Amino acid sequence: MTFEAYEAVVDESGYEARSRERQALTLGIDRLERIQKGRFSAEDLVESLLYVRRLWTIFIEDLAHPENGLPDKLRADIISIGLWVVKEADRLREQRSNDVEQLIEINRLIRDAL
């Protein structure tokens, strides 16, 4: 395999990974928007918020991995955002907050940046 072919495979696999991340964030956003519109059961509320929490936990773990290729500053910034998302999802689930708009907006911003 030539270096150029290898580089193309790596670039393509990175593109596919970002595409899957966008899809996962879109699903989370859709779930959060249902909560915002009041179209949810208690079970749906918990499942939706746990989905967002698990998704961001995966992102945080990946970003914290030493082999992650993003620049350190960007990784640290996204980890901080992720920790905030996890905390806010927990606050909503525990009914200590009812402001889902900021959670939706942050997820949209991150999704659209991918």
PDB file of N, CA and C in Angstrom:
ATOM      1  N   MET A   1       0.859  -1.177   0.000  1.00  0.00           N
ATOM      2  CA  MET A   1       0.000   0.000   0.000  1.00  0.00           C
ATOM      3  C   MET A   1       0.896   1.229   0.000  1.00  0.00           C
ATOM      4  N   THR A   2       0.611   2.158  -0.895  1.00  0.00           N
ATOM      5  CA  THR A   2       1.402   3.379  -0.942  1.00  0.00           C
ATOM      6  C   THR A   2       1.001   4.305   0.193  1.00  0.00           C
ATOM      7  N   PHE A   3       1.866   5.241   0.482  1.00  0.00           N
ATOM      8  CA  PHE A   3       1.575   6.202   1.544  1.00  0.00           C
ATOM      9  C   PHE A   3       0.313   6.994   1.220  1.00  0.00           C
ATOM     10  N   GLU A   4       0.153   7.389  -0.045  1.00  0.00           N
ATOM     11  CA  GLU A   4      -1.022   8.164  -0.445  1.00  0.00           C
ATOM     12  C   GLU A   4      -2.304   7.352  -0.234  1.00  0.00           C
ATOM     13  N   ALA A   5      -2.260   6.066  -0.560  1.00  0.00           N
ATOM     14  CA  ALA A   5      -3.438   5.219  -0.373  1.00  0.00           C
ATOM     15  C   ALA A   5      -3.757   5.076   1.111  1.00  0.00           C
ATOM     16  N   TYR A   6      -2.720   4.890   1.921  1.00  0.00           N
ATOM     17  CA  TYR A   6      -2.915   4.783   3.366  1.00  0.00           C
ATOM     18  C   TYR A   6      -3.522   6.074   3.911  1.00  0.00           C
ATOM     19  N   GLU A   7      -2.978   7.209   3.472  1.00  0.00           N
ATOM     20  CA  GLU A   7      -3.472   8.499   3.928  1.00  0.00           C
ATOM     21  C   GLU A   7      -4.942   8.688   3.551  1.00  0.00           C
ATOM     22  N   ALA A   8      -5.328   8.237   2.356  1.00  0.00           N
ATOM     23  CA  ALA A   8      -6.722   8.347   1.922  1.00  0.00           C
ATOM     24  C   ALA A   8      -7.639   7.515   2.802  1.00  0.00           C
ATOM     25  N   VAL A   9      -7.192   6.307   3.175  1.00  0.00           N
ATOM     26  CA  VAL A   9      -7.995   5.441   4.047  1.00  0.00           C
ATOM     27  C   VAL A   9      -8.157   6.085   5.413  1.00  0.00           C
ATOM     28  N   VAL A  10      -7.083   6.635   5.954  1.00  0.00           N
ATOM     29  CA  VAL A  10      -7.143   7.289   7.264  1.00  0.00           C
ATOM     30  C   VAL A  10      -8.070   8.492   7.204  1.00  0.00           C
ATOM     31  N   ASP A  11      -7.948   9.311   6.157  1.00  0.00           N
ATOM     32  CA  ASP A  11      -8.820  10.471   6.020  1.00  0.00           C
ATOM     33  C   ASP A  11     -10.275  10.047   5.913  1.00  0.00           C
ATOM     34  N   GLU A  12     -10.543   9.003   5.134  1.00  0.00           N
ATOM     35  CA  GLU A  12     -11.907   8.524   4.946  1.00  0.00           C
ATOM     36  C   GLU A  12     -12.476   7.969   6.244  1.00  0.00           C
ATOM     37  N   SER A  13     -11.670   7.226   6.995  1.00  0.00           N
ATOM     38  CA  SER A  13     -12.170   6.666   8.250  1.00  0.00           C
ATOM     39  C   SER A  13     -12.453   7.777   9.258  1.00  0.00           C
ATOM     40  N   GLY A  14     -11.664   8.847   9.244  1.00  0.00           N
ATOM     41  CA  GLY A  14     -11.926   9.998  10.105  1.00  0.00           C
ATOM     42  C   GLY A  14     -13.222  10.678   9.713  1.00  0.00           C
ATOM     43  N   TYR A  15     -13.450  10.764   8.410  1.00  0.00           N
ATOM     44  CA  TYR A  15     -14.698  11.360   7.918  1.00  0.00           C
ATOM     45  C   TYR A  15     -15.894  10.519   8.368  1.00  0.00           C
ATOM     46  N   GLU A  16     -15.776   9.206   8.260  1.00  0.00           N
ATOM     47  CA  GLU A  16     -16.858   8.313   8.683  1.00  0.00           C
ATOM     48  C   GLU A  16     -17.117   8.439  10.179  1.00  0.00           C
ATOM     49  N   ALA A  17     -16.051   8.552  10.963  1.00  0.00           N
ATOM     50  CA  ALA A  17     -16.208   8.700  12.413  1.00  0.00           C
ATOM     51  C   ALA A  17     -16.940  10.002  12.736  1.00  0.00           C
ATOM     52  N   ARG A  18     -16.558  11.088  12.077  1.00  0.00           N
ATOM     53  CA  ARG A  18     -17.236  12.367  12.305  1.00  0.00           C
ATOM     54  C   ARG A  18     -18.702  12.290  11.889  1.00  0.00           C
ATOM     55  N   SER A  19     -18.959  11.561  10.809  1.00  0.00           N
ATOM     56  CA  SER A  19     -20.342  11.391  10.359  1.00  0.00           C
ATOM     57  C   SER A  19     -21.167  10.654  11.409  1.00  0.00           C
ATOM     58  N   ARG A  20     -20.599   9.604  12.002  1.00  0.00           N
ATOM     59  CA  ARG A  20     -21.308   8.858  13.056  1.00  0.00           C
ATOM     60  C   ARG A  20     -21.519   9.743  14.289  1.00  0.00           C
ATOM     61  N   GLU A  21     -20.510  10.561  14.608  1.00  0.00           N
ATOM     62  CA  GLU A  21     -20.655  11.470  15.745  1.00  0.00           C
ATOM     63  C   GLU A  21     -21.769  12.482  15.486  1.00  0.00           C
ATOM     64  N   ARG A  22     -21.842  13.017  14.252  1.00  0.00           N
ATOM     65  CA  ARG A  22     -22.917  13.949  13.902  1.00  0.00           C
ATOM     66  C   ARG A  22     -24.280  13.277  14.036  1.00  0.00           C
ATOM     67  N   GLN A  23     -24.377  12.041  13.560  1.00  0.00           N
ATOM     68  CA  GLN A  23     -25.645  11.310  13.660  1.00  0.00           C
ATOM     69  C   GLN A  23     -26.045  11.088  15.119  1.00  0.00           C
ATOM     70  N   ALA A  24     -25.074  10.717  15.937  1.00  0.00           N
ATOM     71  CA  ALA A  24     -25.362  10.484  17.359  1.00  0.00           C
ATOM     72  C   ALA A  24     -25.806  11.783  18.038  1.00  0.00           C
ATOM     73  N   LEU A  25     -25.135  12.889  17.718  1.00  0.00           N
ATOM     74  CA  LEU A  25     -25.535  14.173  18.291  1.00  0.00           C
ATOM     75  C   LEU A  25     -26.914  14.595  17.794  1.00  0.00           C
ATOM     76  N   THR A  26     -27.201  14.342  16.521  1.00  0.00           N
ATOM     77  CA  THR A  26     -28.521  14.679  15.980  1.00  0.00           C
ATOM     78  C   THR A  26     -29.616  13.915  16.710  1.00  0.00           C
ATOM     79  N   LEU A  27     -29.381  12.645  16.975  1.00  0.00           N
ATOM     80  CA  LEU A  27     -30.363  11.859  17.728  1.00  0.00           C
ATOM     81  C   LEU A  27     -30.561  12.452  19.122  1.00  0.00           C
ATOM     82  N   GLY A  28     -29.478  12.822  19.774  1.00  0.00           N
ATOM     83  CA  GLY A  28     -29.587  13.447  21.095  1.00  0.00           C
ATOM     84  C   GLY A  28     -30.341  14.764  21.037  1.00  0.00           C
ATOM     85  N   ILE A  29     -30.067  15.567  20.015  1.00  0.00           N
ATOM     86  CA  ILE A  29     -30.757  16.844  19.854  1.00  0.00           C
ATOM     87  C   ILE A  29     -32.247  16.609  19.642  1.00  0.00           C
ATOM     88  N   ASP A  30     -32.586  15.647  18.795  1.00  0.00           N
ATOM     89  CA  ASP A  30     -33.997  15.327  18.558  1.00  0.00           C
ATOM     90  C   ASP A  30     -34.693  14.951  19.861  1.00  0.00           C
ATOM     91  N   ARG A  31     -34.025  14.151  20.671  1.00  0.00           N
ATOM     92  CA  ARG A  31     -34.613  13.743  21.947  1.00  0.00           C
ATOM     93  C   ARG A  31     -34.789  14.938  22.878  1.00  0.00           C
ATOM     94  N   LEU A  32     -33.781  15.817  22.916  1.00  0.00           N
ATOM     95  CA  LEU A  32     -33.865  17.000  23.769  1.00  0.00           C
ATOM     96  C   LEU A  32     -34.971  17.942  23.294  1.00  0.00           C
ATOM     97  N   GLU A  33     -35.150  18.056  21.986  1.00  0.00           N
ATOM     98  CA  GLU A  33     -36.214  18.913  21.459  1.00  0.00           C
ATOM     99  C   GLU A  33     -37.600  18.377  21.825  1.00  0.00           C
ATOM    100  N   ARG A  34     -37.755  17.062  21.861  1.00  0.00           N
ATOM    101  CA  ARG A  34     -39.036  16.495  22.317  1.00  0.00           C
ATOM    102  C   ARG A  34     -39.304  16.875  23.766  1.00  0.00           C
ATOM    103  N   ILE A  35     -38.250  16.847  24.574  1.00  0.00           N
ATOM    104  CA  ILE A  35     -38.396  17.250  25.975  1.00  0.00           C
ATOM    105  C   ILE A  35     -38.804  18.721  26.039  1.00  0.00           C
ATOM    106  N   GLN A  36     -38.136  19.542  25.247  1.00  0.00           N
ATOM    107  CA  GLN A  36     -38.420  20.975  25.242  1.00  0.00           C
ATOM    108  C   GLN A  36     -39.876  21.255  24.856  1.00  0.00           C
ATOM    109  N   LYS A  37     -40.397  20.483  23.929  1.00  0.00           N
ATOM    110  CA  LYS A  37     -41.764  20.685  23.449  1.00  0.00           C
ATOM    111  C   LYS A  37     -42.807  20.009  24.332  1.00  0.00           C
ATOM    112  N   GLY A  38     -42.345  19.301  25.367  1.00  0.00           N
ATOM    113  CA  GLY A  38     -43.271  18.647  26.281  1.00  0.00           C
ATOM    114  C   GLY A  38     -43.854  17.355  25.738  1.00  0.00           C
ATOM    115  N   ARG A  39     -43.211  16.775  24.742  1.00  0.00           N
ATOM    116  CA  ARG A  39     -43.708  15.536  24.127  1.00  0.00           C
ATOM    117  C   ARG A  39     -42.905  14.340  24.640  1.00  0.00           C
ATOM    118  N   PHE A  40     -43.114  14.020  25.883  1.00  0.00           N
ATOM    119  CA  PHE A  40     -42.346  12.925  26.465  1.00  0.00           C
ATOM    120  C   PHE A  40     -43.056  12.341  27.669  1.00  0.00           C
ATOM    121  N   SER A  41     -42.757  11.087  27.898  1.00  0.00           N
ATOM    122  CA  SER A  41     -43.209  10.439  29.130  1.00  0.00           C
ATOM    123  C   SER A  41     -42.056  10.551  30.127  1.00  0.00           C
ATOM    124  N   ALA A  42     -42.312  10.189  31.354  1.00  0.00           N
ATOM    125  CA  ALA A  42     -41.251  10.208  32.366  1.00  0.00           C
ATOM    126  C   ALA A  42     -40.117   9.273  31.957  1.00  0.00           C
ATOM    127  N   GLU A  43     -40.484   8.129  31.387  1.00  0.00           N
ATOM    128  CA  GLU A  43     -39.477   7.166  30.936  1.00  0.00           C
ATOM    129  C   GLU A  43     -38.661   7.740  29.780  1.00  0.00           C
ATOM    130  N   ASP A  44     -39.317   8.406  28.845  1.00  0.00           N
ATOM    131  CA  ASP A  44     -38.629   9.013  27.704  1.00  0.00           C
ATOM    132  C   ASP A  44     -37.677  10.106  28.178  1.00  0.00           C
ATOM    133  N   LEU A  45     -38.102  10.880  29.167  1.00  0.00           N
ATOM    134  CA  LEU A  45     -37.249  11.929  29.726  1.00  0.00           C
ATOM    135  C   LEU A  45     -35.946  11.327  30.247  1.00  0.00           C
ATOM    136  N   VAL A  46     -36.070  10.311  31.066  1.00  0.00           N
ATOM    137  CA  VAL A  46     -34.890   9.678  31.657  1.00  0.00           C
ATOM    138  C   VAL A  46     -34.014   9.051  30.572  1.00  0.00           C
ATOM    139  N   GLU A  47     -34.627   8.305  29.646  1.00  0.00           N
ATOM    140  CA  GLU A  47     -33.855   7.662  28.584  1.00  0.00           C
ATOM    141  C   GLU A  47     -33.139   8.681  27.708  1.00  0.00           C
ATOM    142  N   SER A  48     -33.809   9.776  27.391  1.00  0.00           N
ATOM    143  CA  SER A  48     -33.213  10.807  26.541  1.00  0.00           C
ATOM    144  C   SER A  48     -32.022  11.469  27.221  1.00  0.00           C
ATOM    145  N   LEU A  49     -32.186  11.816  28.469  1.00  0.00           N
ATOM    146  CA  LEU A  49     -31.100  12.470  29.197  1.00  0.00           C
ATOM    147  C   LEU A  49     -29.948  11.509  29.452  1.00  0.00           C
ATOM    148  N   LEU A  50     -30.251  10.250  29.710  1.00  0.00           N
ATOM    149  CA  LEU A  50     -29.173   9.264  29.868  1.00  0.00           C
ATOM    150  C   LEU A  50     -28.444   9.023  28.545  1.00  0.00           C
ATOM    151  N   TYR A  51     -29.165   9.073  27.434  1.00  0.00           N
ATOM    152  CA  TYR A  51     -28.535   8.936  26.125  1.00  0.00           C
ATOM    153  C   TYR A  51     -27.509  10.052  25.918  1.00  0.00           C
ATOM    154  N   VAL A  52     -27.934  11.293  26.166  1.00  0.00           N
ATOM    155  CA  VAL A  52     -27.036  12.442  25.999  1.00  0.00           C
ATOM    156  C   VAL A  52     -25.840  12.315  26.941  1.00  0.00           C
ATOM    157  N   ARG A  53     -26.101  11.898  28.152  1.00  0.00           N
ATOM    158  CA  ARG A  53     -25.022  11.733  29.142  1.00  0.00           C
ATOM    159  C   ARG A  53     -24.025  10.660  28.699  1.00  0.00           C
ATOM    160  N   ARG A  54     -24.532   9.513  28.253  1.00  0.00           N
ATOM    161  CA  ARG A  54     -23.637   8.430  27.800  1.00  0.00           C
ATOM    162  C   ARG A  54     -22.837   8.853  26.575  1.00  0.00           C
ATOM    163  N   LEU A  55     -23.495   9.548  25.639  1.00  0.00           N
ATOM    164  CA  LEU A  55     -22.808  10.004  24.437  1.00  0.00           C
ATOM    165  C   LEU A  55     -21.643  10.914  24.794  1.00  0.00           C
ATOM    166  N   TRP A  56     -21.882  11.866  25.672  1.00  0.00           N
ATOM    167  CA  TRP A  56     -20.816  12.786  26.053  1.00  0.00           C
ATOM    168  C   TRP A  56     -19.750  12.114  26.911  1.00  0.00           C
ATOM    169  N   THR A  57     -20.122  11.119  27.666  1.00  0.00           N
ATOM    170  CA  THR A  57     -19.120  10.362  28.421  1.00  0.00           C
ATOM    171  C   THR A  57     -18.173   9.651  27.461  1.00  0.00           C
ATOM    172  N   ILE A  58     -18.718   9.106  26.388  1.00  0.00           N
ATOM    173  CA  ILE A  58     -17.882   8.466  25.359  1.00  0.00           C
ATOM    174  C   ILE A  58     -16.957   9.496  24.721  1.00  0.00           C
ATOM    175  N   PHE A  59     -17.499  10.662  24.369  1.00  0.00           N
ATOM    176  CA  PHE A  59     -16.662  11.716  23.780  1.00  0.00           C
ATOM    177  C   PHE A  59     -15.538  12.119  24.729  1.00  0.00           C
ATOM    178  N   ILE A  60     -15.873  12.315  25.994  1.00  0.00           N
ATOM    179  CA  ILE A  60     -14.872  12.734  26.978  1.00  0.00           C
ATOM    180  C   ILE A  60     -13.773  11.683  27.113  1.00  0.00           C
ATOM    181  N   GLU A  61     -14.168  10.418  27.194  1.00  0.00           N
ATOM    182  CA  GLU A  61     -13.175   9.346  27.305  1.00  0.00           C
ATOM    183  C   GLU A  61     -12.264   9.314  26.082  1.00  0.00           C
ATOM    184  N   ASP A  62     -12.835   9.492  24.901  1.00  0.00           N
ATOM    185  CA  ASP A  62     -12.030   9.506  23.678  1.00  0.00           C
ATOM    186  C   ASP A  62     -11.077  10.700  23.669  1.00  0.00           C
ATOM    187  N   LEU A  63     -11.576  11.849  24.058  1.00  0.00           N
ATOM    188  CA  LEU A  63     -10.735  13.051  24.074  1.00  0.00           C
ATOM    189  C   LEU A  63      -9.613  12.957  25.106  1.00  0.00           C
ATOM    190  N   ALA A  64      -9.852  12.262  26.185  1.00  0.00           N
ATOM    191  CA  ALA A  64      -8.851  12.129  27.239  1.00  0.00           C
ATOM    192  C   ALA A  64      -7.769  11.110  26.880  1.00  0.00           C
ATOM    193  N   HIS A  65      -8.016  10.303  25.871  1.00  0.00           N
ATOM    194  CA  HIS A  65      -7.056   9.278  25.470  1.00  0.00           C
ATOM    195  C   HIS A  65      -5.820   9.944  24.875  1.00  0.00           C
ATOM    196  N   PRO A  66      -4.628   9.535  25.307  1.00  0.00           N
ATOM    197  CA  PRO A  66      -3.391  10.171  24.840  1.00  0.00           C
ATOM    198  C   PRO A  66      -3.178  10.100  23.323  1.00  0.00           C
ATOM    199  N   GLU A  67      -3.785   9.130  22.669  1.00  0.00           N
ATOM    200  CA  GLU A  67      -3.591   8.992  21.230  1.00  0.00           C
ATOM    201  C   GLU A  67      -4.593   9.807  20.410  1.00  0.00           C
ATOM    202  N   ASN A  68      -5.477  10.536  21.070  1.00  0.00           N
ATOM    203  CA  ASN A  68      -6.404  11.387  20.339  1.00  0.00           C
ATOM    204  C   ASN A  68      -5.587  12.438  19.594  1.00  0.00           C
ATOM    205  N   GLY A  69      -5.882  12.633  18.317  1.00  0.00           N
ATOM    206  CA  GLY A  69      -5.072  13.492  17.464  1.00  0.00           C
ATOM    207  C   GLY A  69      -5.380  14.974  17.519  1.00  0.00           C
ATOM    208  N   LEU A  70      -6.407  15.371  18.259  1.00  0.00           N
ATOM    209  CA  LEU A  70      -6.723  16.797  18.332  1.00  0.00           C
ATOM    210  C   LEU A  70      -5.691  17.538  19.174  1.00  0.00           C
ATOM    211  N   PRO A  71      -5.515  18.822  18.902  1.00  0.00           N
ATOM    212  CA  PRO A  71      -4.597  19.629  19.727  1.00  0.00           C
ATOM    213  C   PRO A  71      -5.062  19.637  21.186  1.00  0.00           C
ATOM    214  N   ASP A  72      -4.091  19.683  22.090  1.00  0.00           N
ATOM    215  CA  ASP A  72      -4.389  19.616  23.528  1.00  0.00           C
ATOM    216  C   ASP A  72      -5.408  20.661  23.976  1.00  0.00           C
ATOM    217  N   LYS A  73      -5.266  21.895  23.530  1.00  0.00           N
ATOM    218  CA  LYS A  73      -6.167  22.978  23.953  1.00  0.00           C
ATOM    219  C   LYS A  73      -7.592  22.690  23.501  1.00  0.00           C
ATOM    220  N   LEU A  74      -7.758  22.253  22.263  1.00  0.00           N
ATOM    221  CA  LEU A  74      -9.086  21.941  21.747  1.00  0.00           C
ATOM    222  C   LEU A  74      -9.696  20.772  22.511  1.00  0.00           C
ATOM    223  N   ARG A  75      -8.889  19.746  22.773  1.00  0.00           N
ATOM    224  CA  ARG A  75      -9.369  18.600  23.554  1.00  0.00           C
ATOM    225  C   ARG A  75      -9.856  19.052  24.922  1.00  0.00           C
ATOM    226  N   ALA A  76      -9.058  19.880  25.578  1.00  0.00           N
ATOM    227  CA  ALA A  76      -9.420  20.361  26.920  1.00  0.00           C
ATOM    228  C   ALA A  76     -10.706  21.177  26.874  1.00  0.00           C
ATOM    229  N   ASP A  77     -10.852  22.007  25.851  1.00  0.00           N
ATOM    230  CA  ASP A  77     -12.065  22.823  25.730  1.00  0.00           C
ATOM    231  C   ASP A  77     -13.301  21.943  25.527  1.00  0.00           C
ATOM    232  N   ILE A  78     -13.193  20.946  24.664  1.00  0.00           N
ATOM    233  CA  ILE A  78     -14.338  20.074  24.402  1.00  0.00           C
ATOM    234  C   ILE A  78     -14.654  19.213  25.622  1.00  0.00           C
ATOM    235  N   ILE A  79     -13.624  18.779  26.333  1.00  0.00           N
ATOM    236  CA  ILE A  79     -13.855  18.028  27.572  1.00  0.00           C
ATOM    237  C   ILE A  79     -14.625  18.899  28.570  1.00  0.00           C
ATOM    238  N   SER A  80     -14.252  20.163  28.681  1.00  0.00           N
ATOM    239  CA  SER A  80     -14.976  21.070  29.590  1.00  0.00           C
ATOM    240  C   SER A  80     -16.429  21.210  29.183  1.00  0.00           C
ATOM    241  N   ILE A  81     -16.658  21.345  27.898  1.00  0.00           N
ATOM    242  CA  ILE A  81     -18.034  21.422  27.403  1.00  0.00           C
ATOM    243  C   ILE A  81     -18.770  20.127  27.741  1.00  0.00           C
ATOM    244  N   GLY A  82     -18.118  19.002  27.517  1.00  0.00           N
ATOM    245  CA  GLY A  82     -18.728  17.704  27.799  1.00  0.00           C
ATOM    246  C   GLY A  82     -19.092  17.535  29.261  1.00  0.00           C
ATOM    247  N   LEU A  83     -18.217  17.973  30.138  1.00  0.00           N
ATOM    248  CA  LEU A  83     -18.511  17.881  31.571  1.00  0.00           C
ATOM    249  C   LEU A  83     -19.715  18.744  31.928  1.00  0.00           C
ATOM    250  N   TRP A  84     -19.817  19.909  31.304  1.00  0.00           N
ATOM    251  CA  TRP A  84     -20.978  20.768  31.528  1.00  0.00           C
ATOM    252  C   TRP A  84     -22.246  20.080  31.032  1.00  0.00           C
ATOM    253  N   VAL A  85     -22.192  19.462  29.831  1.00  0.00           N
ATOM    254  CA  VAL A  85     -23.357  18.779  29.269  1.00  0.00           C
ATOM    255  C   VAL A  85     -23.813  17.664  30.206  1.00  0.00           C
ATOM    256  N   VAL A  86     -22.873  16.863  30.692  1.00  0.00           N
ATOM    257  CA  VAL A  86     -23.210  15.768  31.610  1.00  0.00           C
ATOM    258  C   VAL A  86     -23.876  16.320  32.866  1.00  0.00           C
ATOM    259  N   LYS A  87     -23.304  17.384  33.415  1.00  0.00           N
ATOM    260  CA  LYS A  87     -23.853  17.989  34.633  1.00  0.00           C
ATOM    261  C   LYS A  87     -25.270  18.526  34.387  1.00  0.00           C
ATOM    262  N   GLU A  88     -25.472  19.206  33.267  1.00  0.00           N
ATOM    263  CA  GLU A  88     -26.793  19.762  32.971  1.00  0.00           C
ATOM    264  C   GLU A  88     -27.822  18.673  32.700  1.00  0.00           C
ATOM    265  N   ALA A  89     -27.417  17.615  32.023  1.00  0.00           N
ATOM    266  CA  ALA A  89     -28.335  16.484  31.793  1.00  0.00           C
ATOM    267  C   ALA A  89     -28.754  15.883  33.131  1.00  0.00           C
ATOM    268  N   ASP A  90     -27.805  15.763  34.045  1.00  0.00           N
ATOM    269  CA  ASP A  90     -28.130  15.240  35.379  1.00  0.00           C
ATOM    270  C   ASP A  90     -29.083  16.186  36.118  1.00  0.00           C
ATOM    271  N   ARG A  91     -28.834  17.487  36.014  1.00  0.00           N
ATOM    272  CA  ARG A  91     -29.712  18.468  36.680  1.00  0.00           C
ATOM    273  C   ARG A  91     -31.138  18.386  36.139  1.00  0.00           C
ATOM    274  N   LEU A  92     -31.274  18.223  34.831  1.00  0.00           N
ATOM    275  CA  LEU A  92     -32.605  18.085  34.242  1.00  0.00           C
ATOM    276  C   LEU A  92     -33.271  16.795  34.699  1.00  0.00           C
ATOM    277  N   ARG A  93     -32.513  15.719  34.689  1.00  0.00           N
ATOM    278  CA  ARG A  93     -33.064  14.411  35.091  1.00  0.00           C
ATOM    279  C   ARG A  93     -33.521  14.435  36.544  1.00  0.00           C
ATOM    280  N   GLU A  94     -32.764  15.138  37.388  1.00  0.00           N
ATOM    281  CA  GLU A  94     -33.086  15.227  38.811  1.00  0.00           C
ATOM    282  C   GLU A  94     -34.080  16.357  39.108  1.00  0.00           C
ATOM    283  N   GLN A  95     -34.583  17.003  38.071  1.00  0.00           N
ATOM    284  CA  GLN A  95     -35.554  18.089  38.157  1.00  0.00           C
ATOM    285  C   GLN A  95     -35.037  19.272  38.971  1.00  0.00           C
ATOM    286  N   ARG A  96     -33.723  19.506  38.905  1.00  0.00           N
ATOM    287  CA  ARG A  96     -33.137  20.686  39.533  1.00  0.00           C
ATOM    288  C   ARG A  96     -33.022  21.822  38.515  1.00  0.00           C
ATOM    289  N   SER A  97     -33.421  21.529  37.280  1.00  0.00           N
ATOM    290  CA  SER A  97     -33.447  22.515  36.207  1.00  0.00           C
ATOM    291  C   SER A  97     -34.534  22.103  35.226  1.00  0.00           C
ATOM    292  N   ASN A  98     -35.028  23.075  34.486  1.00  0.00           N
ATOM    293  CA  ASN A  98     -35.967  22.753  33.416  1.00  0.00           C
ATOM    294  C   ASN A  98     -35.586  23.476  32.128  1.00  0.00           C
ATOM    295  N   ASP A  99     -34.347  23.966  32.061  1.00  0.00           N
ATOM    296  CA  ASP A  99     -33.853  24.708  30.911  1.00  0.00           C
ATOM    297  C   ASP A  99     -33.065  23.790  29.984  1.00  0.00           C
ATOM    298  N   VAL A 100     -33.761  23.249  29.015  1.00  0.00           N
ATOM    299  CA  VAL A 100     -33.126  22.329  28.077  1.00  0.00           C
ATOM    300  C   VAL A 100     -32.547  23.064  26.866  1.00  0.00           C
ATOM    301  N   GLU A 101     -32.920  24.329  26.670  1.00  0.00           N
ATOM    302  CA  GLU A 101     -32.500  25.088  25.485  1.00  0.00           C
ATOM    303  C   GLU A 101     -30.974  25.188  25.359  1.00  0.00           C
ATOM    304  N   GLN A 102     -30.291  25.478  26.447  1.00  0.00           N
ATOM    305  CA  GLN A 102     -28.830  25.597  26.384  1.00  0.00           C
ATOM    306  C   GLN A 102     -28.188  24.266  26.020  1.00  0.00           C
ATOM    307  N   LEU A 103     -28.728  23.188  26.528  1.00  0.00           N
ATOM    308  CA  LEU A 103     -28.218  21.854  26.208  1.00  0.00           C
ATOM    309  C   LEU A 103     -28.396  21.562  24.716  1.00  0.00           C
ATOM    310  N   ILE A 104     -29.540  21.925  24.185  1.00  0.00           N
ATOM    311  CA  ILE A 104     -29.787  21.741  22.752  1.00  0.00           C
ATOM    312  C   ILE A 104     -28.792  22.576  21.943  1.00  0.00           C
ATOM    313  N   GLU A 105     -28.632  23.825  22.321  1.00  0.00           N
ATOM    314  CA  GLU A 105     -27.771  24.735  21.561  1.00  0.00           C
ATOM    315  C   GLU A 105     -26.308  24.272  21.559  1.00  0.00           C
ATOM    316  N   ILE A 106     -25.804  23.842  22.691  1.00  0.00           N
ATOM    317  CA  ILE A 106     -24.417  23.367  22.753  1.00  0.00           C
ATOM    318  C   ILE A 106     -24.243  22.133  21.876  1.00  0.00           C
ATOM    319  N   ASN A 107     -25.181  21.215  21.944  1.00  0.00           N
ATOM    320  CA  ASN A 107     -25.088  20.007  21.106  1.00  0.00           C
ATOM    321  C   ASN A 107     -25.146  20.360  19.622  1.00  0.00           C
ATOM    322  N   ARG A 108     -25.981  21.324  19.252  1.00  0.00           N
ATOM    323  CA  ARG A 108     -26.038  21.774  17.849  1.00  0.00           C
ATOM    324  C   ARG A 108     -24.706  22.383  17.409  1.00  0.00           C
ATOM    325  N   LEU A 109     -24.152  23.234  18.259  1.00  0.00           N
ATOM    326  CA  LEU A 109     -22.878  23.871  17.912  1.00  0.00           C
ATOM    327  C   LEU A 109     -21.772  22.850  17.686  1.00  0.00           C
ATOM    328  N   ILE A 110     -21.689  21.876  18.569  1.00  0.00           N
ATOM    329  CA  ILE A 110     -20.663  20.850  18.425  1.00  0.00           C
ATOM    330  C   ILE A 110     -20.928  20.002  17.187  1.00  0.00           C
ATOM    331  N   ARG A 111     -22.178  19.588  16.993  1.00  0.00           N
ATOM    332  CA  ARG A 111     -22.523  18.775  15.802  1.00  0.00           C
ATOM    333  C   ARG A 111     -22.167  19.527  14.521  1.00  0.00           C
ATOM    334  N   ASP A 112     -22.527  20.796  14.461  1.00  0.00           N
ATOM    335  CA  ASP A 112     -22.308  21.564  13.237  1.00  0.00           C
ATOM    336  C   ASP A 112     -20.832  21.856  12.989  1.00  0.00           C
ATOM    337  N   ALA A 113     -20.015  21.767  14.039  1.00  0.00           N
ATOM    338  CA  ALA A 113     -18.577  21.994  13.890  1.00  0.00           C
ATOM    339  C   ALA A 113     -17.849  20.741  13.389  1.00  0.00           C
ATOM    340  N   LEU A 114     -18.512  19.584  13.441  1.00  0.00           N
ATOM    341  CA  LEU A 114     -17.853  18.354  13.011  1.00  0.00           C
ATOM    342  C   LEU A 114     -17.759  18.254  11.501  1.00  0.00           C
TER     343      LEU A 114
END
